[in-house]
Every structure is written in structure tokens, then in C-alpha cells.
Amino acid sequence: MTLVTLADVLQPALKGGYAVAGLVTLGWEDMRAFVAAAEAEGVPVILQAGPGCRDHTPLPVLAAMFRQLAENTSVPVVAHLDHGYTFEECRQALDCGFTSVMFDGSRKPLQQNIDETAAIAQMAHAAGMSCEGEIGFVGYAGGESSAGTDPEEAARFARETAVDAMAISVGNLHLQQNRSGAGLDEARIRAIEAVTQVPLVIHGGSGVPMAQRQALAHGSAICKFNIGTELRMAFGDALRSAVNADPSRFDRNEILAETHTPMVAATRQVLRMLKPKSS
């Protein structure tokens, strides 16, 4: 088994000057393609179960799927809860086999976010697992607006919560479907780096221009880029092609099988941009 914690993959990334992809899963087809791509590239991968995924599939089932994939690959696999909103949800994830949880208290007042994140980090560490927290608020394309991360608050958050990774708001947005914007606020990233030592995380990585994503992966403390939307779009394109190729087909397994190769190719492109330069 190659199941590992978030700290197991992010600490080497921080020291080695590269980043690891946190890939947002929705089902067996995409998570299987993600692991196949990681094996082909020879890099670790973080399989993430976000709220949408959990609405569709129970946590214990997702944990079993992640663990099954980890048992049958040679690369490190992190089983990660993304955007857990309560202590109980994070506890359940750890109890059923996740190796890492991300507690999202970013909508809460600073002190409450610190206190609740610290309690969940302590629980995760007691179980030998990892915890990610978020300071500032990463908004949503067409939805809630962001609140940029204050460097001084980030320093306090990292110190008082003891998280293994810290998600920050520096111009990134969830659910962006293109990379035509101005990109991330590098001055704010450098200010946060100057007062913290924890690996940093970018949620909404699909909206970050490719060149900037690659440059920051190899030249900053950003060690984890969450990628969801661009790979969901690739899956949708592959699924439409498979369905439209033969409208008379109805067997879902036949149709879904044709998404695998395009998804592996799209995922390999994502992973290749973040991996160590010497790989």
C-alpha cells in the first residue's frame, strides 16, 4: 500500500521546490484516471473528496475506493477530505480511513477559525494523520467574493493551529473555467511566505495561468494546487464524445470506459507542470 498523509508529500515538496496536485474527484472513473496518470508521471497524488462528491457517495465508500487505488499503485496516494465544515465530518473521515482532512473555517471570525481548526488538527495528529486549514476566504466564480489573506493573520493562524498545510486567498477563485484573468497576487504570496514556514495551498488552481502555476510550483512555498474544474471539463468533453459516437449505445460501462484515456492524458499534463524539474 502506498497510502500516505498530506504531510508525507508536502514536506518533501517544500524542501524540493515543487508542488503536488490535489485532484478533486467525483467518482471511480476520474479517480482511477488520476492515479494512472500519477503512476505514469512517477509523482504522488492527493485524491480529494469535496462536498459535491460526498453528497453523491458516502464517506466510507470513498475511503474504500481511495484505499483500493492506493493498494494497487507504486506512487504515494493521499486520501484527503476537502472542505470539511464540521468537527464531526472530519472525525468521520479519519475514522473511515482518510489520511488527511481539510477543515474550512474560512467564513468564520478569525479566532473561531483558529480555535476550531486547532482542535481538528490536534485530532488528526493524534491519529497520525494530517490537517489543512484555510485563512482568508477563497470565493467562487459567479458567486461569493473572496477576502484576501492578511499575512499577519496567516502567521498567527499557522502558529496557533499547527496545521500541516495552509490554504490562502491571493486572487484565486473556485470553479473558474478559463485562465484568462490576471493570475495570482505574487506580492501577497511573498508577504505570507516571509512570515510562515508551512506549505501553502491554492484552491481554485484551474483558474491560474499555466505559466504562473508552473513558476510558483518551482519558486514559492505553494506546495499544493487544487485542480478540479479543468479536469471535470475534460471528463465532460470525453463523455460527450463517447455518447455521441454511437447514440444507440446504452451500456454505461462501455461509454464510461472511453473517458479513461483522455482523462489520463489531461491529468498527466497537470501533473507534469508541478513535478520536480529533474523528473
Protein backbone atom coordinates (compact mmCIF):
# COMPACT_ATOMS: atom_id res chain seq x y z
CA MET A 1 0.00 0.00 0.00
CA THR A 2 1.22 3.48 -0.83
CA LEU A 3 -1.37 5.39 1.23
CA VAL A 4 0.32 8.37 2.91
CA THR A 5 -0.57 11.59 4.73
CA LEU A 6 -0.61 15.11 3.38
CA ALA A 7 2.49 15.99 5.39
CA ASP A 8 4.28 12.99 3.88
CA VAL A 9 4.03 14.50 0.40
CA LEU A 10 4.07 18.24 1.10
CA GLN A 11 7.15 18.44 3.30
CA PRO A 12 9.38 16.92 0.58
CA ALA A 13 7.73 19.27 -1.93
CA LEU A 14 8.51 22.28 0.26
CA LYS A 15 12.14 21.23 0.59
CA GLY A 16 12.50 20.14 -3.04
CA GLY A 17 10.88 23.10 -4.77
CA TYR A 18 7.87 21.53 -6.45
CA ALA A 19 4.14 21.06 -5.87
CA VAL A 20 1.68 18.19 -5.62
CA ALA A 21 -1.74 18.20 -7.25
CA GLY A 22 -4.85 17.92 -5.12
CA LEU A 23 -7.26 16.40 -7.64
CA VAL A 24 -10.96 16.83 -6.95
CA THR A 25 -12.76 13.53 -7.51
CA LEU A 26 -16.39 12.88 -8.34
CA GLY A 27 -16.40 9.14 -8.99
CA TRP A 28 -14.49 5.98 -9.72
CA GLU A 29 -13.73 6.83 -13.35
CA ASP A 30 -11.90 10.07 -12.63
CA MET A 31 -10.06 8.91 -9.51
CA ARG A 32 -8.83 5.80 -11.36
CA ALA A 33 -7.56 8.01 -14.19
CA PHE A 34 -5.87 10.34 -11.71
CA VAL A 35 -3.90 7.51 -10.14
CA ALA A 36 -2.96 6.05 -13.54
CA ALA A 37 -1.65 9.47 -14.59
CA ALA A 38 0.34 9.87 -11.37
CA GLU A 39 1.91 6.46 -11.86
CA ALA A 40 2.81 7.32 -15.46
CA GLU A 41 4.46 10.56 -14.31
CA GLY A 42 6.07 8.97 -11.23
CA VAL A 43 4.64 11.53 -8.81
CA PRO A 44 2.46 11.46 -5.69
CA VAL A 45 -1.19 12.40 -5.94
CA ILE A 46 -3.77 13.76 -3.50
CA LEU A 47 -7.26 12.34 -4.12
CA GLN A 48 -9.79 14.81 -2.77
CA ALA A 49 -13.40 14.19 -1.76
CA GLY A 50 -15.18 17.54 -1.72
CA PRO A 51 -18.75 18.37 -0.69
CA GLY A 52 -20.24 17.59 -4.11
CA CYS A 53 -18.57 14.21 -4.18
CA ARG A 54 -19.73 13.45 -0.63
CA ASP A 55 -23.31 14.39 -1.49
CA HIS A 56 -23.25 11.63 -4.10
CA THR A 57 -21.20 8.93 -2.37
CA PRO A 58 -20.90 8.19 1.38
CA LEU A 59 -17.55 8.87 3.06
CA PRO A 60 -16.84 5.22 3.96
CA VAL A 61 -17.31 4.22 0.32
CA LEU A 62 -14.99 6.98 -0.87
CA ALA A 63 -12.37 5.98 1.69
CA ALA A 64 -12.54 2.37 0.48
CA MET A 65 -12.18 3.47 -3.15
CA PHE A 66 -9.16 5.66 -2.36
CA ARG A 67 -7.53 2.89 -0.35
CA GLN A 68 -8.17 0.31 -3.07
CA LEU A 69 -6.43 2.53 -5.62
CA ALA A 70 -3.52 3.16 -3.25
CA GLU A 71 -3.04 -0.57 -2.72
CA ASN A 72 -2.55 -1.12 -6.43
CA THR A 73 -0.13 1.64 -7.40
CA SER A 74 3.52 2.34 -6.70
CA VAL A 75 3.15 6.11 -6.16
CA PRO A 76 2.15 7.77 -2.88
CA VAL A 77 -1.59 8.45 -2.61
CA VAL A 78 -3.20 10.80 -0.07
CA ALA A 79 -6.86 10.20 0.81
CA HIS A 80 -7.99 13.76 1.55
CA LEU A 81 -11.26 15.26 2.76
CA ASP A 82 -11.67 18.62 1.01
CA HIS A 83 -13.76 21.39 2.62
CA GLY A 84 -14.90 19.62 5.74
CA TYR A 85 -17.16 22.06 7.56
CA THR A 86 -17.60 20.43 10.97
CA PHE A 87 -15.56 18.61 13.59
CA GLU A 88 -17.86 15.60 13.24
CA GLU A 89 -17.41 15.41 9.47
CA CYS A 90 -13.62 15.47 9.86
CA ARG A 91 -13.77 12.88 12.64
CA GLN A 92 -15.86 10.55 10.49
CA ALA A 93 -13.40 10.89 7.60
CA LEU A 94 -10.46 9.94 9.82
CA ASP A 95 -12.39 7.07 11.36
CA CYS A 96 -13.24 5.53 7.98
CA GLY A 97 -9.73 5.70 6.54
CA PHE A 98 -8.90 9.13 5.18
CA THR A 99 -5.29 10.15 5.83
CA SER A 100 -5.86 13.90 5.70
CA VAL A 101 -8.66 16.40 6.32
CA MET A 102 -9.12 19.99 5.22
CA PHE A 103 -11.24 21.92 7.72
CA ASP A 104 -12.78 25.01 6.15
CA GLY A 105 -13.49 27.63 8.80
CA SER A 106 -12.74 30.47 6.41
CA ARG A 107 -16.23 32.01 6.65
CA LYS A 108 -15.94 32.27 10.44
CA PRO A 109 -14.38 35.02 12.59
CA LEU A 110 -10.61 34.67 12.88
CA GLN A 111 -10.48 33.44 16.47
CA GLN A 112 -13.24 30.88 15.90
CA ASN A 113 -11.48 29.66 12.75
CA ILE A 114 -8.22 29.30 14.69
CA ASP A 115 -9.83 27.51 17.64
CA GLU A 116 -11.84 25.05 15.56
CA THR A 117 -9.01 24.35 13.11
CA ALA A 118 -6.58 23.77 16.00
CA ALA A 119 -8.95 21.23 17.57
CA ILE A 120 -9.28 19.32 14.30
CA ALA A 121 -5.53 19.44 13.66
CA GLN A 122 -4.96 18.03 17.14
CA MET A 123 -7.44 15.23 16.46
CA ALA A 124 -5.81 14.42 13.10
CA HIS A 125 -2.30 14.43 14.56
CA ALA A 126 -3.37 12.17 17.43
CA ALA A 127 -4.49 9.69 14.77
CA GLY A 128 -1.19 10.03 12.88
CA MET A 129 -2.89 11.95 10.06
CA SER A 130 -2.70 15.46 8.58
CA CYS A 131 -4.80 18.62 8.60
CA GLU A 132 -5.13 21.53 6.16
CA GLY A 133 -6.78 24.81 7.14
CA GLU A 134 -7.80 27.99 5.32
CA ILE A 135 -7.12 31.60 6.26
CA GLY A 136 -8.75 34.36 4.25
CA PHE A 137 -11.61 33.27 2.03
CA VAL A 138 -11.36 31.88 -1.50
CA GLY A 139 -14.53 32.88 -3.34
CA TYR A 140 -16.40 31.30 -6.24
CA ALA A 141 -16.63 32.34 -9.88
CA GLY A 142 -20.06 33.88 -10.28
CA GLY A 143 -20.72 33.54 -6.55
CA GLU A 144 -19.28 34.61 -3.20
CA SER A 145 -16.50 37.19 -3.32
CA SER A 146 -13.04 36.46 -1.94
CA ALA A 147 -11.43 38.01 1.12
CA GLY A 148 -7.67 38.14 0.63
CA THR A 149 -5.39 36.55 3.20
CA ASP A 150 -3.73 39.00 5.57
CA PRO A 151 -0.08 37.97 6.11
CA GLU A 152 -0.09 38.78 9.83
CA GLU A 153 -3.27 36.76 10.33
CA ALA A 154 -1.72 33.94 8.30
CA ALA A 155 1.32 33.88 10.59
CA ARG A 156 -0.91 33.71 13.65
CA PHE A 157 -3.14 31.04 12.08
CA ALA A 158 -0.18 28.82 11.17
CA ARG A 159 1.40 29.21 14.59
CA GLU A 160 -1.73 28.65 16.68
CA THR A 161 -3.36 25.84 14.69
CA ALA A 162 -0.26 23.72 13.86
CA VAL A 163 -1.80 22.80 10.51
CA ASP A 164 0.26 20.78 8.03
CA ALA A 165 -0.84 22.97 5.11
CA MET A 166 -2.50 26.37 4.81
CA ALA A 167 -4.87 27.39 2.04
CA ILE A 168 -4.63 31.09 1.19
CA SER A 169 -6.66 33.63 -0.79
CA VAL A 170 -4.39 35.51 -3.20
CA GLY A 171 -6.55 36.16 -6.24
CA ASN A 172 -7.64 32.56 -6.75
CA LEU A 173 -11.29 31.55 -7.23
CA HIS A 174 -13.11 28.23 -7.15
CA LEU A 175 -14.88 26.97 -10.29
CA GLN A 176 -13.10 29.13 -12.87
CA GLN A 177 -13.46 27.72 -16.37
CA ASN A 178 -10.63 29.64 -18.02
CA ARG A 179 -7.20 31.06 -17.21
CA SER A 180 -7.59 34.44 -18.92
CA GLY A 181 -7.50 36.54 -15.73
CA ALA A 182 -4.62 38.40 -14.13
CA GLY A 183 -3.49 35.39 -12.15
CA LEU A 184 -2.39 35.26 -8.54
CA ASP A 185 -1.16 38.17 -6.41
CA GLU A 186 2.50 37.25 -6.10
CA ALA A 187 3.32 40.18 -3.79
CA ARG A 188 0.79 38.86 -1.27
CA ILE A 189 2.19 35.34 -1.63
CA ARG A 190 5.71 36.60 -0.89
CA ALA A 191 4.46 38.53 2.14
CA ILE A 192 2.82 35.37 3.51
CA GLU A 193 5.93 33.29 2.79
CA ALA A 194 8.05 35.78 4.73
CA VAL A 195 6.20 35.14 8.00
CA THR A 196 5.31 31.42 7.75
CA GLN A 197 7.04 28.11 7.19
CA VAL A 198 4.02 25.92 6.45
CA PRO A 199 3.33 24.56 2.94
CA LEU A 200 0.83 26.81 1.16
CA VAL A 201 -2.18 25.66 -0.84
CA ILE A 202 -4.01 27.24 -3.78
CA HIS A 203 -7.67 26.31 -4.08
CA GLY A 204 -9.20 27.06 -7.46
CA GLY A 205 -5.99 26.15 -9.25
CA SER A 206 -7.78 25.63 -12.57
CA GLY A 207 -8.03 29.39 -12.99
CA VAL A 208 -4.30 30.04 -12.55
CA PRO A 209 -2.44 30.66 -15.83
CA MET A 210 -0.29 27.66 -16.71
CA ALA A 211 3.00 29.60 -16.76
CA GLN A 212 2.33 31.11 -13.35
CA ARG A 213 1.23 27.78 -11.93
CA GLN A 214 4.46 26.18 -13.05
CA ALA A 215 6.64 29.09 -11.89
CA LEU A 216 5.09 29.17 -8.41
CA ALA A 217 5.28 25.40 -8.07
CA HIS A 218 9.05 25.63 -8.51
CA GLY A 219 9.72 29.01 -6.94
CA SER A 220 7.50 29.52 -3.92
CA ALA A 221 6.13 27.85 -0.79
CA ILE A 222 2.98 26.84 -2.67
CA CYS A 223 3.22 23.08 -2.49
CA LYS A 224 -0.34 22.07 -3.40
CA PHE A 225 -2.56 23.22 -6.23
CA ASN A 226 -6.16 22.02 -6.11
CA ILE A 227 -7.36 21.18 -9.60
CA GLY A 228 -10.99 20.33 -10.23
CA THR A 229 -12.82 22.34 -12.87
CA GLU A 230 -10.40 21.87 -15.77
CA LEU A 231 -10.39 18.10 -15.29
CA ARG A 232 -14.17 17.94 -14.90
CA MET A 233 -14.37 19.82 -18.20
CA ALA A 234 -12.03 17.27 -19.80
CA PHE A 235 -14.19 14.46 -18.47
CA GLY A 236 -17.34 16.12 -19.83
CA ASP A 237 -15.76 16.51 -23.26
CA ALA A 238 -14.68 12.86 -23.31
CA LEU A 239 -18.09 11.67 -22.14
CA ARG A 240 -19.93 13.71 -24.78
CA SER A 241 -17.66 12.32 -27.48
CA ALA A 242 -18.28 8.77 -26.29
CA VAL A 243 -22.06 9.22 -26.16
CA ASN A 244 -22.29 10.99 -29.50
CA ALA A 245 -20.08 8.47 -31.27
CA ASP A 246 -22.88 5.91 -31.15
CA PRO A 247 -26.27 7.16 -29.95
CA SER A 248 -27.63 3.61 -29.91
CA ARG A 249 -25.31 2.53 -27.07
CA PHE A 250 -26.79 2.36 -23.60
CA ASP A 251 -24.31 0.36 -21.51
CA ARG A 252 -22.75 2.86 -19.11
CA ASN A 253 -19.60 0.77 -18.64
CA GLU A 254 -18.88 0.81 -22.37
CA ILE A 255 -19.44 4.55 -22.55
CA LEU A 256 -17.51 5.47 -19.41
CA ALA A 257 -14.56 3.28 -20.42
CA GLU A 258 -13.89 5.68 -23.28
CA THR A 259 -13.27 8.56 -20.87
CA HIS A 260 -10.24 6.87 -19.32
CA THR A 261 -7.53 7.56 -21.90
CA PRO A 262 -8.48 11.25 -22.43
CA MET A 263 -8.65 11.78 -18.67
CA VAL A 264 -5.24 10.23 -18.09
CA ALA A 265 -3.77 12.48 -20.80
CA ALA A 266 -5.34 15.64 -19.35
CA THR A 267 -4.23 14.74 -15.84
CA ARG A 268 -0.68 13.98 -16.92
CA GLN A 269 -0.44 17.49 -18.36
CA VAL A 270 -1.49 18.93 -14.98
CA LEU A 271 0.97 16.79 -13.04
CA ARG A 272 3.86 17.45 -15.40
CA MET A 273 3.66 21.20 -14.74
CA LEU A 274 4.08 20.73 -10.99
CA LYS A 275 6.57 17.87 -10.66
CA PRO A 276 10.25 18.31 -9.76
CA LYS A 277 12.24 19.76 -12.65
CA SER A 278 14.66 16.84 -12.61
CA SER A 279 11.87 14.28 -13.05
